Amino acid sequence: MKTRIFEIIYMGKEGDQESTFFDRFIVTLILLNVFAIMIESFESIKLIYGHYLEIFEIFSIIIFSIEYGLRVWTSNIRFKNVSKTKAVMLYVTSPMAIIDFLAILPFYLPMLIPLDLRFLRMLRLTRLIRIAKLNRYMTSMNLLGRILKREKDLLIVTVSVMIFLIIIASTLMYYIENPVQPDAFPNIAASLWWAITTLTPIGYGNITPITLLGRIISGIVAILGIGLVALPTGIISSGFMEELREKQTNEIQKTNFCPHCGKKL
């Protein structure tokens, strides 16, 4: 029974109706939870249907709690080469398990710790974490996760260069523009907002330099920003192409072997 439950909640065989139903049910429940959070922001709807929304929240928590418990219970099947205790620890510390735990934590936390009502209201916003549970059931999100993991070194370098440029630009702009615009550039921290909007293609224009040197630096930062913002896009696009090539290669290799005996054709 434990093995069968593991197959249903993790990865059932092709044509496994129970596993397919479970996946679709959880995905639907997650999407309905996100929708419920959105309609709760309408006071008129909340006044009329608030009781039903609370019942739906309790129902969702029960389902998500059972799901989390079953995944913990079957963790030793997933991690076969370690002890049961270590298997549980490996699961509960995994990224998806942490997301699952945070998705139900806001409901149970007030029962254990007395919380201020204002903090409790903010804590309920963490229910949006449930949408991250979709990663487990969406092939596209898993694909994106593999690409980000593969290209993480290049992405870290790109982001680091962007952060370095933002700090340098905001520091320079503070010393150049502060004497003539003390309200617009009161300190380096405030100048960071100008640097971010200039480096990215946003350009709100609520803070602009008026000195000649400030405008020159602003133009240089804007030009550099065009290239730097495009770099992560290119890296991720390259990762998608690499994944596509690997998938095509694997499909070609599969066709060169007999599906019954496994011998090369």
Protein backbone atom coordinates (compact mmCIF):
# COMPACT_ATOMS: atom_id res chain seq x y z
CA MET A 1 0.00 0.00 0.00
CA LYS A 2 2.85 2.36 0.86
CA THR A 3 4.50 1.75 -2.50
CA ARG A 4 1.21 2.33 -4.30
CA ILE A 5 0.64 5.61 -2.46
CA PHE A 6 4.17 6.67 -3.41
CA GLU A 7 3.42 5.95 -7.08
CA ILE A 8 0.20 7.96 -6.94
CA ILE A 9 1.59 11.08 -5.24
CA TYR A 10 4.95 11.12 -7.02
CA MET A 11 5.24 9.55 -10.42
CA GLY A 12 2.69 6.99 -11.56
CA LYS A 13 3.20 4.89 -14.63
CA GLU A 14 1.84 6.04 -17.95
CA GLY A 15 -1.91 5.44 -17.97
CA ASP A 16 -2.14 5.37 -14.16
CA GLN A 17 -5.59 6.91 -13.68
CA GLU A 18 -5.27 7.35 -9.90
CA SER A 19 -1.99 9.23 -10.23
CA THR A 20 -3.36 11.40 -13.03
CA PHE A 21 -6.47 12.20 -11.00
CA PHE A 22 -4.35 13.09 -7.96
CA ASP A 23 -2.13 15.45 -9.95
CA ARG A 24 -5.09 17.19 -11.59
CA PHE A 25 -6.94 17.46 -8.29
CA ILE A 26 -3.99 19.08 -6.49
CA VAL A 27 -3.32 21.48 -9.39
CA THR A 28 -7.00 22.49 -9.46
CA LEU A 29 -7.01 22.99 -5.68
CA ILE A 30 -3.90 25.19 -5.86
CA LEU A 31 -5.41 27.36 -8.60
CA LEU A 32 -8.68 27.68 -6.66
CA ASN A 33 -6.70 28.76 -3.59
CA VAL A 34 -5.00 31.52 -5.55
CA PHE A 35 -8.38 32.60 -6.94
CA ALA A 36 -9.85 32.62 -3.40
CA ILE A 37 -7.04 34.87 -2.17
CA MET A 38 -7.75 37.29 -5.01
CA ILE A 39 -11.51 37.52 -4.45
CA GLU A 40 -10.97 37.96 -0.70
CA SER A 41 -9.60 41.42 -1.51
CA PHE A 42 -13.13 42.48 -2.56
CA GLU A 43 -14.85 43.55 0.65
CA SER A 44 -18.35 43.12 -0.83
CA ILE A 45 -17.60 39.51 -1.82
CA LYS A 46 -15.89 38.77 1.49
CA LEU A 47 -18.89 40.01 3.49
CA ILE A 48 -21.28 37.74 1.60
CA TYR A 49 -19.14 34.66 0.95
CA GLY A 50 -16.50 34.99 3.70
CA HIS A 51 -17.90 31.96 5.58
CA TYR A 52 -17.66 29.75 2.50
CA LEU A 53 -14.11 30.97 1.83
CA GLU A 54 -13.13 29.98 5.37
CA ILE A 55 -14.63 26.50 4.87
CA PHE A 56 -12.73 26.15 1.59
CA GLU A 57 -9.52 27.24 3.36
CA ILE A 58 -9.98 24.56 6.04
CA PHE A 59 -10.71 21.94 3.36
CA SER A 60 -7.55 22.96 1.45
CA ILE A 61 -5.43 22.81 4.59
CA ILE A 62 -6.69 19.30 5.35
CA ILE A 63 -5.83 18.10 1.83
CA PHE A 64 -2.40 19.79 1.75
CA SER A 65 -1.60 18.48 5.24
CA ILE A 66 -2.51 14.92 4.23
CA GLU A 67 -0.41 15.29 1.08
CA TYR A 68 2.57 16.56 3.10
CA GLY A 69 2.19 13.75 5.63
CA LEU A 70 2.03 11.10 2.90
CA ARG A 71 5.16 12.48 1.24
CA VAL A 72 7.00 12.36 4.57
CA TRP A 73 5.71 8.82 5.22
CA THR A 74 6.85 7.53 1.81
CA SER A 75 10.18 9.38 1.82
CA ASN A 76 12.10 6.15 2.56
CA ILE A 77 10.87 4.76 -0.79
CA ARG A 78 12.15 7.83 -2.57
CA PHE A 79 15.51 7.72 -0.77
CA LYS A 80 16.15 3.99 -0.69
CA ASN A 81 19.86 3.96 0.13
CA VAL A 82 19.58 5.71 3.51
CA SER A 83 17.85 5.03 6.82
CA LYS A 84 14.22 6.03 7.38
CA THR A 85 15.18 8.90 9.67
CA LYS A 86 17.68 10.30 7.19
CA ALA A 87 15.18 9.84 4.36
CA VAL A 88 12.66 11.95 6.24
CA MET A 89 15.30 14.62 6.89
CA LEU A 90 16.33 14.63 3.23
CA TYR A 91 12.74 15.16 2.18
CA VAL A 92 11.70 17.82 4.72
CA THR A 93 14.78 19.90 3.87
CA SER A 94 14.25 19.70 0.11
CA PRO A 95 13.03 22.89 -1.64
CA MET A 96 9.62 21.50 -2.61
CA ALA A 97 9.01 20.11 0.89
CA ILE A 98 9.81 23.51 2.40
CA ILE A 99 7.28 25.09 0.01
CA ASP A 100 4.69 22.47 1.01
CA PHE A 101 5.34 23.19 4.68
CA LEU A 102 5.13 26.97 4.29
CA ALA A 103 1.85 26.54 2.40
CA ILE A 104 0.16 25.09 5.50
CA LEU A 105 2.16 26.81 8.26
CA PRO A 106 0.08 30.06 8.43
CA PHE A 107 -3.01 28.04 9.39
CA TYR A 108 -1.40 26.16 12.28
CA LEU A 109 0.93 28.85 13.62
CA PRO A 110 -1.74 30.93 15.43
CA MET A 111 -2.83 27.75 17.25
CA LEU A 112 0.66 27.34 18.69
CA ILE A 113 1.77 30.96 19.20
CA PRO A 114 -0.48 33.91 20.13
CA LEU A 115 -0.05 36.45 17.36
CA ASP A 116 -1.02 40.05 16.87
CA LEU A 117 -4.01 40.32 14.52
CA ARG A 118 -2.16 42.68 12.19
CA PHE A 119 0.74 40.26 11.91
CA LEU A 120 -1.70 37.40 11.42
CA ARG A 121 -3.26 39.19 8.45
CA MET A 122 0.17 39.64 6.88
CA LEU A 123 0.97 36.00 7.59
CA ARG A 124 -2.09 34.88 5.64
CA LEU A 125 -0.54 36.42 2.53
CA THR A 126 2.02 33.62 2.60
CA ARG A 127 -0.78 31.35 1.35
CA LEU A 128 0.29 32.57 -2.09
CA ILE A 129 3.28 30.26 -1.65
CA ARG A 130 0.87 27.48 -2.62
CA ILE A 131 1.19 28.53 -6.23
CA ALA A 132 4.83 27.41 -6.06
CA LYS A 133 3.53 23.87 -5.46
CA LEU A 134 2.60 23.84 -9.14
CA ASN A 135 6.29 23.35 -9.96
CA ARG A 136 5.95 19.70 -9.00
CA TYR A 137 3.14 19.12 -11.50
CA MET A 138 4.18 21.31 -14.45
CA THR A 139 6.77 20.01 -16.91
CA SER A 140 7.52 23.52 -18.15
CA MET A 141 8.40 24.74 -14.65
CA ASN A 142 10.62 21.72 -14.08
CA LEU A 143 12.33 22.47 -17.40
CA LEU A 144 12.93 26.07 -16.36
CA GLY A 145 14.30 24.89 -13.02
CA ARG A 146 16.81 22.59 -14.75
CA ILE A 147 17.92 25.42 -17.03
CA LEU A 148 18.41 27.85 -14.13
CA LYS A 149 20.37 25.21 -12.24
CA ARG A 150 22.58 24.48 -15.26
CA GLU A 151 23.25 28.13 -16.08
CA LYS A 152 23.42 29.38 -12.50
CA ASP A 153 27.13 30.28 -12.68
CA LEU A 154 26.65 32.53 -15.72
CA LEU A 155 23.49 34.07 -14.24
CA ILE A 156 25.26 34.78 -10.94
CA VAL A 157 28.10 36.52 -12.78
CA THR A 158 25.61 38.63 -14.79
CA VAL A 159 23.59 39.62 -11.73
CA SER A 160 26.78 40.40 -9.80
CA VAL A 161 27.97 42.74 -12.56
CA MET A 162 24.56 44.46 -12.57
CA ILE A 163 24.65 44.96 -8.80
CA PHE A 164 28.22 46.27 -8.98
CA LEU A 165 27.28 48.74 -11.72
CA ILE A 166 24.20 49.90 -9.79
CA ILE A 167 26.27 50.60 -6.68
CA ILE A 168 28.99 52.46 -8.61
CA ALA A 169 26.47 54.52 -10.60
CA SER A 170 24.39 55.46 -7.56
CA THR A 171 27.51 56.48 -5.61
CA LEU A 172 28.83 58.65 -8.44
CA MET A 173 25.43 60.24 -9.02
CA TYR A 174 25.08 61.09 -5.34
CA TYR A 175 28.36 63.01 -5.23
CA ILE A 176 27.64 64.76 -8.53
CA GLU A 177 23.94 65.63 -8.12
CA ASN A 178 23.57 66.05 -4.35
CA PRO A 179 25.04 69.56 -4.24
CA VAL A 180 22.47 70.81 -6.80
CA GLN A 181 19.57 68.40 -6.04
CA PRO A 182 19.72 67.55 -2.33
CA ASP A 183 16.03 66.52 -2.33
CA ALA A 184 16.28 64.19 -5.33
CA PHE A 185 19.64 62.66 -4.29
CA PRO A 186 19.70 62.98 -0.48
CA ASN A 187 21.91 59.91 0.03
CA ILE A 188 23.41 56.94 -1.80
CA ALA A 189 20.55 54.65 -0.78
CA ALA A 190 18.03 56.99 -2.42
CA SER A 191 20.24 57.16 -5.52
CA LEU A 192 19.91 53.38 -5.87
CA TRP A 193 16.33 53.85 -7.12
CA TRP A 194 17.55 56.14 -9.90
CA ALA A 195 20.30 53.64 -10.83
CA ILE A 196 17.86 50.70 -10.98
CA THR A 197 15.29 52.53 -13.14
CA THR A 198 18.04 53.78 -15.45
CA LEU A 199 19.86 50.46 -15.78
CA THR A 200 16.63 48.62 -16.57
CA PRO A 201 14.35 49.69 -19.47
CA ILE A 202 11.82 51.23 -17.03
CA GLY A 203 12.98 54.84 -16.87
CA TYR A 204 10.18 56.39 -14.79
CA GLY A 205 11.88 59.78 -14.97
CA ASN A 206 10.79 60.85 -11.48
CA ILE A 207 14.46 61.46 -10.60
CA THR A 208 16.69 62.89 -13.34
CA PRO A 209 20.16 64.47 -13.30
CA ILE A 210 20.48 68.15 -14.27
CA THR A 211 24.26 68.55 -14.37
CA LEU A 212 26.23 67.83 -17.54
CA LEU A 213 28.41 65.18 -15.92
CA GLY A 214 25.34 63.58 -14.33
CA ARG A 215 23.59 63.33 -17.69
CA ILE A 216 26.69 61.80 -19.31
CA ILE A 217 26.90 59.14 -16.59
CA SER A 218 23.15 58.55 -16.89
CA GLY A 219 23.50 57.96 -20.65
CA ILE A 220 26.41 55.54 -20.15
CA VAL A 221 24.50 53.59 -17.51
CA ALA A 222 21.41 53.42 -19.75
CA ILE A 223 23.45 52.06 -22.69
CA LEU A 224 25.22 49.50 -20.49
CA GLY A 225 21.86 48.49 -19.07
CA ILE A 226 20.53 47.51 -22.50
CA GLY A 227 23.27 44.91 -22.86
CA LEU A 228 23.28 43.70 -19.27
CA VAL A 229 19.51 43.17 -19.11
CA ALA A 230 19.66 41.21 -22.38
CA LEU A 231 22.38 38.87 -21.10
CA PRO A 232 20.19 36.77 -18.73
CA THR A 233 17.61 36.44 -21.51
CA GLY A 234 20.27 35.13 -23.87
CA ILE A 235 21.64 32.72 -21.26
CA ILE A 236 18.20 31.26 -20.53
CA SER A 237 17.37 31.04 -24.26
CA SER A 238 20.63 29.17 -24.84
CA GLY A 239 19.69 26.80 -22.02
CA PHE A 240 16.30 26.11 -23.64
CA MET A 241 18.00 25.28 -26.95
CA GLU A 242 20.44 22.94 -25.19
CA GLU A 243 17.57 21.14 -23.44
CA LEU A 244 15.75 20.79 -26.77
CA ARG A 245 18.82 19.30 -28.44
CA GLU A 246 19.29 16.83 -25.58
CA LYS A 247 15.64 15.79 -25.80
CA GLN A 248 15.89 15.24 -29.54
CA THR A 249 19.12 13.24 -29.09
CA ASN A 250 17.51 11.03 -26.44
CA GLU A 251 14.49 10.38 -28.67
CA ILE A 252 16.77 9.40 -31.56
CA GLN A 253 18.75 7.06 -29.31
CA LYS A 254 15.54 5.41 -28.08
CA THR A 255 14.43 4.67 -31.62
CA ASN A 256 17.70 2.82 -32.31
CA PHE A 257 16.88 0.14 -29.73
CA CYS A 258 14.21 -2.53 -29.66
CA PRO A 259 11.43 -1.51 -27.23
CA HIS A 260 10.97 -5.19 -26.20
CA CYS A 261 14.43 -6.69 -25.75
CA GLY A 262 16.47 -3.46 -25.58
CA LYS A 263 19.00 -4.63 -28.18
CA LYS A 264 20.43 -2.15 -30.67
CA LEU A 265 18.68 -2.28 -34.03
